[in-house]
N, C-alpha and C. Protein backbone atom coordinates (compact mmCIF):
# COMPACT_ATOMS: atom_id res chain seq x y z
N MET A 1 10.84 -1.80 -12.28
CA MET A 1 10.15 -0.50 -12.09
C MET A 1 10.66 0.50 -13.17
N ARG A 2 9.86 1.43 -13.67
CA ARG A 2 10.20 2.46 -14.52
C ARG A 2 9.42 3.69 -14.19
N PRO A 3 10.19 4.84 -14.29
CA PRO A 3 9.58 6.18 -13.88
C PRO A 3 8.64 6.61 -15.01
N LEU A 4 7.57 7.14 -14.41
CA LEU A 4 6.39 7.75 -15.32
C LEU A 4 6.41 9.24 -15.14
N SER A 5 6.86 9.73 -14.01
CA SER A 5 6.92 11.23 -13.74
C SER A 5 7.90 11.42 -12.69
N SER A 6 7.96 12.56 -12.13
CA SER A 6 8.90 12.84 -11.12
C SER A 6 8.57 12.34 -9.78
N THR A 7 7.39 11.84 -9.63
CA THR A 7 7.03 11.21 -8.37
C THR A 7 6.18 9.94 -8.55
N VAL A 8 6.02 9.41 -9.77
CA VAL A 8 5.36 8.27 -10.04
C VAL A 8 6.07 7.23 -10.66
N VAL A 9 6.06 5.98 -10.25
CA VAL A 9 6.86 4.79 -10.63
C VAL A 9 5.80 3.69 -11.13
N GLU A 10 6.07 3.02 -12.07
CA GLU A 10 5.26 1.90 -12.53
C GLU A 10 6.09 0.49 -12.37
N PHE A 11 5.52 -0.45 -11.89
CA PHE A 11 6.07 -1.77 -11.76
C PHE A 11 5.09 -2.84 -12.28
N LEU A 12 5.69 -3.63 -13.32
CA LEU A 12 4.95 -4.69 -13.82
C LEU A 12 5.36 -6.00 -13.17
N SER A 13 4.43 -6.69 -12.55
CA SER A 13 4.69 -7.89 -11.85
C SER A 13 4.21 -9.17 -12.59
N GLY A 14 5.04 -10.07 -12.98
CA GLY A 14 4.49 -11.31 -13.62
C GLY A 14 4.29 -12.43 -12.69
N SER A 15 4.64 -12.33 -11.41
CA SER A 15 4.58 -13.48 -10.57
C SER A 15 4.60 -12.93 -9.11
N GLU A 16 4.23 -13.81 -8.12
CA GLU A 16 4.32 -13.33 -6.76
C GLU A 16 5.64 -13.03 -6.28
N ALA A 17 6.78 -13.70 -6.89
CA ALA A 17 8.14 -13.41 -6.62
C ALA A 17 8.59 -12.12 -7.01
N GLU A 18 7.98 -11.58 -8.09
CA GLU A 18 8.33 -10.33 -8.53
C GLU A 18 7.62 -9.27 -7.70
N THR A 19 6.28 -9.58 -7.35
CA THR A 19 5.65 -8.62 -6.33
C THR A 19 6.52 -8.47 -5.08
N ASP A 20 7.14 -9.70 -4.67
CA ASP A 20 7.99 -9.63 -3.38
C ASP A 20 9.22 -8.70 -3.58
N ARG A 21 9.76 -8.86 -4.73
CA ARG A 21 10.89 -7.91 -5.03
C ARG A 21 10.58 -6.48 -5.12
N PHE A 22 9.40 -6.25 -5.63
CA PHE A 22 8.85 -4.83 -5.65
C PHE A 22 8.70 -4.25 -4.27
N ALA A 23 8.08 -5.17 -3.38
CA ALA A 23 7.78 -4.72 -2.15
C ALA A 23 9.12 -4.54 -1.23
N ALA A 24 10.23 -5.40 -1.60
CA ALA A 24 11.42 -5.21 -0.85
C ALA A 24 12.04 -3.96 -1.36
N ALA A 25 11.90 -3.43 -2.53
CA ALA A 25 12.39 -2.24 -2.95
C ALA A 25 11.68 -1.08 -2.35
N LEU A 26 10.39 -1.16 -2.14
CA LEU A 26 9.52 -0.17 -1.68
C LEU A 26 9.59 0.04 -0.10
N ALA A 27 9.69 -1.14 0.67
CA ALA A 27 9.64 -1.08 2.01
C ALA A 27 10.53 -0.14 2.67
N PRO A 28 11.85 -0.08 2.24
CA PRO A 28 12.90 0.73 2.90
C PRO A 28 12.48 2.24 2.89
N LEU A 29 11.62 2.66 1.92
CA LEU A 29 11.14 4.07 1.84
C LEU A 29 9.95 4.38 2.76
N LEU A 30 9.48 3.43 3.40
CA LEU A 30 8.23 3.71 4.22
C LEU A 30 8.74 4.04 5.60
N ARG A 31 8.03 4.96 6.21
CA ARG A 31 8.36 5.45 7.62
C ARG A 31 7.10 5.27 8.54
N PRO A 32 7.37 5.40 9.73
CA PRO A 32 6.29 5.29 10.79
C PRO A 32 5.43 6.58 10.59
N GLY A 33 4.10 6.38 10.54
CA GLY A 33 3.07 7.50 10.31
C GLY A 33 2.76 7.50 8.84
N ASP A 34 3.42 6.77 7.90
CA ASP A 34 3.10 6.75 6.56
C ASP A 34 1.74 6.25 6.31
N VAL A 35 0.92 6.78 5.36
CA VAL A 35 -0.43 6.14 4.98
C VAL A 35 -0.20 5.80 3.50
N VAL A 36 -0.64 4.61 3.12
CA VAL A 36 -0.44 4.03 1.78
C VAL A 36 -1.85 3.76 1.33
N ALA A 37 -2.32 4.45 0.42
CA ALA A 37 -3.72 4.21 -0.21
C ALA A 37 -3.62 3.13 -1.39
N LEU A 38 -4.26 2.14 -1.29
CA LEU A 38 -4.16 1.10 -2.36
C LEU A 38 -5.60 1.03 -3.03
N ASP A 39 -5.58 1.19 -4.39
CA ASP A 39 -6.76 1.13 -5.18
C ASP A 39 -6.60 0.15 -6.33
N GLY A 40 -7.85 -0.33 -6.73
CA GLY A 40 -7.88 -1.21 -7.93
C GLY A 40 -9.04 -2.05 -7.73
N ASP A 41 -9.36 -2.85 -8.84
CA ASP A 41 -10.63 -3.69 -8.98
C ASP A 41 -10.28 -4.93 -8.05
N LEU A 42 -11.28 -5.73 -7.87
CA LEU A 42 -11.28 -7.02 -7.29
C LEU A 42 -10.32 -7.86 -7.98
N GLY A 43 -9.27 -8.52 -7.41
CA GLY A 43 -8.25 -9.31 -7.92
C GLY A 43 -7.14 -8.61 -8.63
N ALA A 44 -7.00 -7.38 -8.16
CA ALA A 44 -5.96 -6.47 -8.90
C ALA A 44 -4.54 -6.77 -8.23
N GLY A 45 -4.59 -7.28 -7.04
CA GLY A 45 -3.30 -7.57 -6.25
C GLY A 45 -3.03 -6.79 -5.09
N LYS A 46 -4.13 -6.08 -4.55
CA LYS A 46 -3.86 -5.24 -3.42
C LYS A 46 -3.44 -6.09 -2.24
N THR A 47 -4.26 -7.02 -1.87
CA THR A 47 -3.82 -7.84 -0.64
C THR A 47 -2.52 -8.52 -0.76
N ARG A 48 -2.39 -9.00 -1.96
CA ARG A 48 -1.04 -9.72 -2.25
C ARG A 48 0.18 -8.77 -1.99
N LEU A 49 -0.02 -7.49 -2.43
CA LEU A 49 1.14 -6.53 -2.22
C LEU A 49 1.24 -6.21 -0.67
N VAL A 50 0.04 -6.13 0.02
CA VAL A 50 0.13 -5.90 1.53
C VAL A 50 0.80 -7.00 2.06
N ARG A 51 0.68 -8.28 1.72
CA ARG A 51 1.26 -9.43 2.12
C ARG A 51 2.85 -9.27 1.96
N ALA A 52 3.12 -8.89 0.76
CA ALA A 52 4.62 -8.75 0.38
C ALA A 52 5.33 -7.62 1.17
N LEU A 53 4.61 -6.47 1.35
CA LEU A 53 5.09 -5.32 2.13
C LEU A 53 5.34 -5.89 3.64
N ALA A 54 4.39 -6.57 4.20
CA ALA A 54 4.46 -7.00 5.46
C ALA A 54 5.73 -7.86 5.74
N ALA A 55 5.89 -8.78 4.81
CA ALA A 55 7.27 -9.55 4.84
C ALA A 55 8.37 -8.77 4.78
N ALA A 56 8.44 -7.71 3.76
CA ALA A 56 9.65 -6.99 3.64
C ALA A 56 9.85 -6.00 4.77
N LEU A 57 8.75 -5.83 5.69
CA LEU A 57 9.02 -4.94 6.76
C LEU A 57 9.22 -5.72 8.00
N GLY A 58 9.27 -7.02 7.93
CA GLY A 58 9.60 -7.89 9.10
C GLY A 58 8.34 -8.33 9.93
N CYS A 59 7.22 -8.16 9.38
CA CYS A 59 5.98 -8.59 9.95
C CYS A 59 5.72 -9.96 9.51
N ASP A 60 4.90 -10.79 10.19
CA ASP A 60 4.53 -12.20 9.71
C ASP A 60 3.54 -12.13 8.58
N ALA A 61 3.91 -12.28 7.45
CA ALA A 61 3.16 -12.34 6.25
C ALA A 61 1.95 -13.32 6.24
N ALA A 62 2.23 -14.42 6.98
CA ALA A 62 1.21 -15.48 7.02
C ALA A 62 -0.07 -15.00 7.63
N GLN A 63 0.10 -14.00 8.49
CA GLN A 63 -1.13 -13.52 9.16
C GLN A 63 -1.96 -12.53 8.30
N VAL A 64 -1.49 -12.05 7.24
CA VAL A 64 -2.09 -11.06 6.43
C VAL A 64 -3.21 -11.64 5.48
N SER A 65 -4.37 -11.22 5.61
CA SER A 65 -5.60 -11.60 4.78
C SER A 65 -6.36 -10.37 4.62
N SER A 66 -7.21 -10.34 3.66
CA SER A 66 -8.11 -9.16 3.48
C SER A 66 -8.94 -9.08 4.76
N PRO A 67 -9.00 -7.80 5.29
CA PRO A 67 -9.78 -7.64 6.59
C PRO A 67 -11.20 -7.12 6.22
N THR A 68 -11.69 -7.44 5.10
CA THR A 68 -13.10 -6.94 4.58
C THR A 68 -14.10 -7.02 5.61
N PHE A 69 -14.12 -8.20 6.41
CA PHE A 69 -15.16 -8.35 7.40
C PHE A 69 -14.77 -7.71 8.67
N GLY A 70 -13.53 -7.75 9.07
CA GLY A 70 -13.15 -7.19 10.30
C GLY A 70 -12.72 -5.60 10.14
N LEU A 71 -12.60 -5.18 8.98
CA LEU A 71 -12.19 -3.87 8.69
C LEU A 71 -10.72 -3.59 8.86
N VAL A 72 -10.19 -3.97 10.12
CA VAL A 72 -8.80 -3.45 10.46
C VAL A 72 -8.04 -4.72 11.18
N GLN A 73 -6.80 -4.82 10.54
CA GLN A 73 -6.00 -5.84 11.27
C GLN A 73 -4.61 -5.01 11.65
N HIS A 74 -3.96 -5.48 12.61
CA HIS A 74 -2.66 -4.96 13.09
C HIS A 74 -1.64 -6.03 12.97
N TYR A 75 -0.49 -5.77 12.45
CA TYR A 75 0.63 -6.76 12.28
C TYR A 75 1.93 -6.23 13.05
N ALA A 76 2.34 -6.97 13.94
CA ALA A 76 3.55 -6.50 14.78
C ALA A 76 4.80 -6.66 13.92
N GLY A 77 5.78 -5.93 14.14
CA GLY A 77 7.06 -6.08 13.46
C GLY A 77 7.97 -4.86 13.92
N PRO A 78 9.09 -4.91 13.34
CA PRO A 78 9.94 -3.73 13.60
C PRO A 78 9.37 -2.49 13.22
N LEU A 79 8.63 -2.38 12.05
CA LEU A 79 7.73 -1.21 11.71
C LEU A 79 6.44 -1.91 11.59
N PRO A 80 5.61 -1.72 12.69
CA PRO A 80 4.25 -2.21 12.67
C PRO A 80 3.34 -1.79 11.43
N LEU A 81 2.49 -2.68 11.07
CA LEU A 81 1.54 -2.26 10.06
C LEU A 81 0.06 -2.26 10.65
N VAL A 82 -0.75 -1.24 10.11
CA VAL A 82 -2.14 -1.21 10.23
C VAL A 82 -2.76 -1.51 8.87
N HIS A 83 -3.68 -2.38 8.86
CA HIS A 83 -4.20 -2.86 7.34
C HIS A 83 -5.68 -2.65 7.48
N ILE A 84 -6.17 -1.72 6.72
CA ILE A 84 -7.64 -1.34 6.60
C ILE A 84 -8.17 -1.76 5.38
N ASP A 85 -9.35 -2.28 5.37
CA ASP A 85 -10.09 -2.52 4.02
C ASP A 85 -11.33 -1.81 4.20
N ALA A 86 -11.48 -0.76 3.29
CA ALA A 86 -12.66 0.11 3.18
C ALA A 86 -13.73 -0.40 2.31
N TYR A 87 -13.64 -1.60 1.76
CA TYR A 87 -14.62 -2.02 0.76
C TYR A 87 -16.05 -2.06 1.27
N ARG A 88 -16.30 -2.48 2.48
CA ARG A 88 -17.76 -2.49 3.02
C ARG A 88 -18.27 -1.25 3.67
N LEU A 89 -17.36 -0.21 3.66
CA LEU A 89 -17.78 1.07 4.09
C LEU A 89 -18.70 1.77 3.13
N ARG A 90 -19.72 2.47 3.66
CA ARG A 90 -20.63 3.15 2.87
C ARG A 90 -20.03 4.42 2.31
N ASP A 91 -19.36 5.11 3.31
CA ASP A 91 -18.68 6.47 2.83
C ASP A 91 -17.69 7.00 3.93
N CYS A 92 -17.19 8.16 3.80
CA CYS A 92 -16.29 8.67 4.74
C CYS A 92 -16.94 8.81 6.15
N ASP A 93 -18.17 9.23 6.26
CA ASP A 93 -18.96 9.40 7.54
C ASP A 93 -18.84 8.13 8.40
N GLU A 94 -19.06 7.08 7.64
CA GLU A 94 -18.99 5.79 8.38
C GLU A 94 -17.57 5.41 8.92
N PHE A 95 -16.69 5.79 8.06
CA PHE A 95 -15.26 5.57 8.40
C PHE A 95 -14.87 6.48 9.68
N GLU A 96 -15.36 7.73 9.69
CA GLU A 96 -15.19 8.63 10.74
C GLU A 96 -15.92 8.14 12.11
N GLU A 97 -17.04 7.74 11.78
CA GLU A 97 -17.90 7.18 13.04
C GLU A 97 -17.15 6.04 13.69
N LEU A 98 -16.41 5.30 13.07
CA LEU A 98 -15.68 4.16 13.48
C LEU A 98 -14.32 4.48 14.03
N GLY A 99 -14.05 5.73 14.12
CA GLY A 99 -12.78 6.37 14.65
C GLY A 99 -11.60 6.04 13.65
N GLY A 100 -12.01 6.20 12.37
CA GLY A 100 -11.00 5.95 11.23
C GLY A 100 -9.70 6.70 11.37
N ARG A 101 -9.70 7.99 11.60
CA ARG A 101 -8.49 8.79 11.67
C ARG A 101 -7.51 8.18 12.74
N GLU A 102 -8.16 7.76 13.86
CA GLU A 102 -7.29 7.24 14.92
C GLU A 102 -6.45 6.03 14.47
N LEU A 103 -6.84 5.45 13.38
CA LEU A 103 -6.05 4.25 12.90
C LEU A 103 -4.80 4.76 12.33
N PHE A 104 -4.55 5.92 11.96
CA PHE A 104 -3.35 6.35 11.28
C PHE A 104 -2.33 6.62 12.37
N GLU A 105 -1.74 5.53 12.91
CA GLU A 105 -0.93 5.60 13.99
C GLU A 105 0.54 6.08 13.60
N ALA A 106 1.08 6.92 14.55
CA ALA A 106 2.28 7.52 14.32
C ALA A 106 3.51 6.52 14.35
N ASP A 107 3.30 5.34 14.90
CA ASP A 107 4.42 4.51 15.02
C ASP A 107 4.28 3.29 14.08
N ALA A 108 3.37 3.46 13.12
CA ALA A 108 3.00 2.32 12.20
C ALA A 108 2.82 2.85 10.81
N VAL A 109 2.93 2.00 9.92
CA VAL A 109 2.53 2.29 8.53
C VAL A 109 1.07 1.78 8.39
N THR A 110 0.27 2.59 7.70
CA THR A 110 -1.17 2.32 7.57
C THR A 110 -1.29 2.02 6.06
N LEU A 111 -1.79 0.69 5.72
CA LEU A 111 -2.08 0.38 4.41
C LEU A 111 -3.69 0.18 4.32
N ILE A 112 -4.25 1.00 3.20
CA ILE A 112 -5.68 0.92 3.16
C ILE A 112 -6.15 0.47 1.77
N GLU A 113 -6.76 -0.57 1.88
CA GLU A 113 -7.29 -1.09 0.62
C GLU A 113 -8.71 -0.57 0.25
N TRP A 114 -9.01 -0.28 -1.13
CA TRP A 114 -10.20 0.42 -1.44
C TRP A 114 -10.18 1.90 -0.78
N ALA A 115 -8.98 2.42 -0.90
CA ALA A 115 -8.85 3.79 -0.23
C ALA A 115 -9.73 4.85 -0.95
N ASP A 116 -10.09 4.68 -2.18
CA ASP A 116 -10.82 5.71 -2.95
C ASP A 116 -12.18 5.84 -2.24
N ARG A 117 -12.63 4.92 -1.50
CA ARG A 117 -14.03 5.02 -0.89
C ARG A 117 -13.98 6.00 0.32
N ILE A 118 -12.76 6.23 0.81
CA ILE A 118 -12.69 7.05 1.92
C ILE A 118 -11.66 8.28 1.68
N ALA A 119 -11.48 8.49 0.50
CA ALA A 119 -10.43 9.34 0.10
C ALA A 119 -10.36 10.81 0.92
N PRO A 120 -11.50 11.43 0.94
CA PRO A 120 -11.59 12.76 1.78
C PRO A 120 -11.04 12.63 3.19
N SER A 121 -11.10 11.43 3.78
CA SER A 121 -10.65 11.08 5.15
C SER A 121 -9.20 10.90 5.26
N LEU A 122 -8.52 10.75 4.09
CA LEU A 122 -7.11 10.41 4.26
C LEU A 122 -6.28 11.55 4.27
N PRO A 123 -5.03 11.53 4.69
CA PRO A 123 -4.17 12.57 4.84
C PRO A 123 -3.76 12.98 3.32
N THR A 124 -3.51 14.28 3.04
CA THR A 124 -3.16 14.70 1.83
C THR A 124 -1.76 14.11 1.36
N LYS A 125 -0.75 14.15 2.44
CA LYS A 125 0.60 13.63 2.21
C LYS A 125 0.50 12.13 2.38
N ARG A 126 0.38 11.37 1.31
CA ARG A 126 0.26 9.95 1.40
C ARG A 126 0.84 9.26 0.21
N TRP A 127 1.23 8.03 0.31
CA TRP A 127 1.58 7.16 -0.79
C TRP A 127 0.25 6.80 -1.56
N THR A 128 0.24 6.61 -2.90
CA THR A 128 -0.95 5.99 -3.48
C THR A 128 -0.37 4.92 -4.51
N ILE A 129 -1.13 3.82 -4.41
CA ILE A 129 -0.70 2.59 -5.27
C ILE A 129 -1.99 2.13 -6.00
N ALA A 130 -1.80 2.39 -7.28
CA ALA A 130 -3.00 1.85 -8.06
C ALA A 130 -2.47 0.44 -8.68
N ALA A 131 -3.41 -0.50 -8.33
CA ALA A 131 -3.01 -1.97 -8.68
C ALA A 131 -4.09 -2.35 -9.88
N GLU A 132 -3.42 -2.97 -10.91
CA GLU A 132 -4.28 -3.34 -11.97
C GLU A 132 -4.05 -4.73 -12.56
N HIS A 133 -5.00 -5.52 -12.68
CA HIS A 133 -4.97 -6.91 -13.18
C HIS A 133 -4.63 -6.82 -14.71
N VAL A 134 -3.55 -7.28 -15.16
CA VAL A 134 -3.31 -7.11 -16.58
C VAL A 134 -2.91 -8.59 -17.24
N GLY A 135 -3.19 -9.69 -16.55
CA GLY A 135 -2.96 -10.98 -17.11
C GLY A 135 -3.23 -12.06 -16.01
N PRO A 136 -3.29 -13.33 -16.40
CA PRO A 136 -3.51 -14.41 -15.39
C PRO A 136 -2.69 -14.29 -14.12
N THR A 137 -1.45 -14.03 -14.32
CA THR A 137 -0.59 -13.80 -13.10
C THR A 137 0.18 -12.41 -13.06
N SER A 138 -0.12 -11.53 -13.90
CA SER A 138 0.42 -10.27 -14.03
C SER A 138 -0.32 -9.23 -13.39
N ARG A 139 0.32 -8.24 -12.74
CA ARG A 139 -0.30 -7.08 -12.17
C ARG A 139 0.58 -5.91 -12.49
N ARG A 140 -0.12 -4.71 -12.72
CA ARG A 140 0.63 -3.52 -12.71
C ARG A 140 0.52 -2.75 -11.47
N TYR A 141 1.40 -2.18 -10.99
CA TYR A 141 1.33 -1.25 -9.77
C TYR A 141 1.93 0.13 -10.21
N ARG A 142 1.08 1.17 -9.94
CA ARG A 142 1.59 2.45 -10.16
C ARG A 142 1.80 3.13 -8.76
N VAL A 143 2.90 3.63 -8.48
CA VAL A 143 3.11 4.22 -7.13
C VAL A 143 3.40 5.67 -7.25
N ALA A 144 2.50 6.47 -6.52
CA ALA A 144 2.74 7.91 -6.41
C ALA A 144 3.30 8.07 -4.98
N CYS A 145 4.39 8.77 -4.83
CA CYS A 145 5.14 9.04 -3.58
C CYS A 145 4.81 10.40 -3.14
N PRO A 146 4.85 10.58 -1.79
CA PRO A 146 4.61 11.86 -1.22
C PRO A 146 5.74 12.84 -1.73
N PRO A 147 5.47 14.11 -1.86
CA PRO A 147 6.45 15.05 -2.40
C PRO A 147 7.57 15.28 -1.38
N ASP A 148 8.44 14.45 -1.09
CA ASP A 148 9.62 14.66 -0.25
C ASP A 148 10.79 13.86 -0.81
N GLU A 149 11.93 13.87 -0.11
CA GLU A 149 13.09 13.24 -0.65
C GLU A 149 13.00 11.83 -1.05
N ARG A 150 11.96 11.09 -0.62
CA ARG A 150 11.78 9.69 -0.88
C ARG A 150 11.43 9.55 -2.48
N ALA A 151 10.79 10.44 -2.98
CA ALA A 151 10.58 10.51 -4.39
C ALA A 151 11.78 10.31 -5.33
N ALA A 152 12.91 10.97 -4.90
CA ALA A 152 14.04 10.77 -5.57
C ALA A 152 14.58 9.38 -5.41
N ARG A 153 14.55 8.79 -4.22
CA ARG A 153 14.97 7.46 -3.82
C ARG A 153 14.12 6.39 -4.62
N LEU A 154 12.81 6.73 -4.84
CA LEU A 154 11.93 5.72 -5.46
C LEU A 154 12.29 5.86 -7.01
N LEU A 155 12.55 6.94 -7.57
CA LEU A 155 12.98 7.10 -8.89
C LEU A 155 14.35 6.48 -9.19
N ALA A 156 15.18 6.65 -8.19
CA ALA A 156 16.58 6.11 -8.42
C ALA A 156 16.49 4.58 -8.29
N ALA A 157 15.63 3.91 -7.52
CA ALA A 157 15.47 2.52 -7.57
C ALA A 157 14.81 2.09 -8.79
N ALA A 158 13.84 2.90 -9.38
CA ALA A 158 13.26 2.55 -10.74
C ALA A 158 14.33 2.46 -11.75
N ALA A 159 15.12 3.64 -11.78
CA ALA A 159 16.21 3.64 -12.73
C ALA A 159 17.20 2.54 -12.67
N GLY A 160 17.33 2.04 -11.50
CA GLY A 160 18.26 0.82 -11.23
C GLY A 160 17.69 -0.55 -11.70
N GLY A 161 16.45 -0.47 -11.98
CA GLY A 161 15.77 -1.68 -12.43
C GLY A 161 15.33 -2.62 -11.17
N ALA A 162 15.02 -1.97 -10.06
CA ALA A 162 14.69 -2.80 -8.86
C ALA A 162 13.39 -3.46 -9.08
């Protein structure tokens, strides 16, 4: 990881094992009620990162798949996860009609793939992770942290080479 600004860190992953290490560094910073917006093109590594975060948070990563057709999946664990895929949604209105905001559970972390499609419905205080495909097995993740004390912890982890 390397700092890009006071609240943005970049991580270049060359393998699934490196993505797992990145998720292991990020997971301790997540809290119940956090919303994590994941954006990036098809194949950018969004679902792979969700799987790695699920494992790092003590959920069964084998259950994680892209919920594109089901829209939402829930994963039990010490810190439960709600996994939303907004790819098939037309707009924020459709998300709201489905009760979207109710999915931001206070006792879970909510991970949203294709979050840009429903950005106006998301809380302003959220994590944002932009995923980018940069090679056959390489992905770049840019993480923007909410403006609180966790930004300093994220930057410290980046400075330590996590």
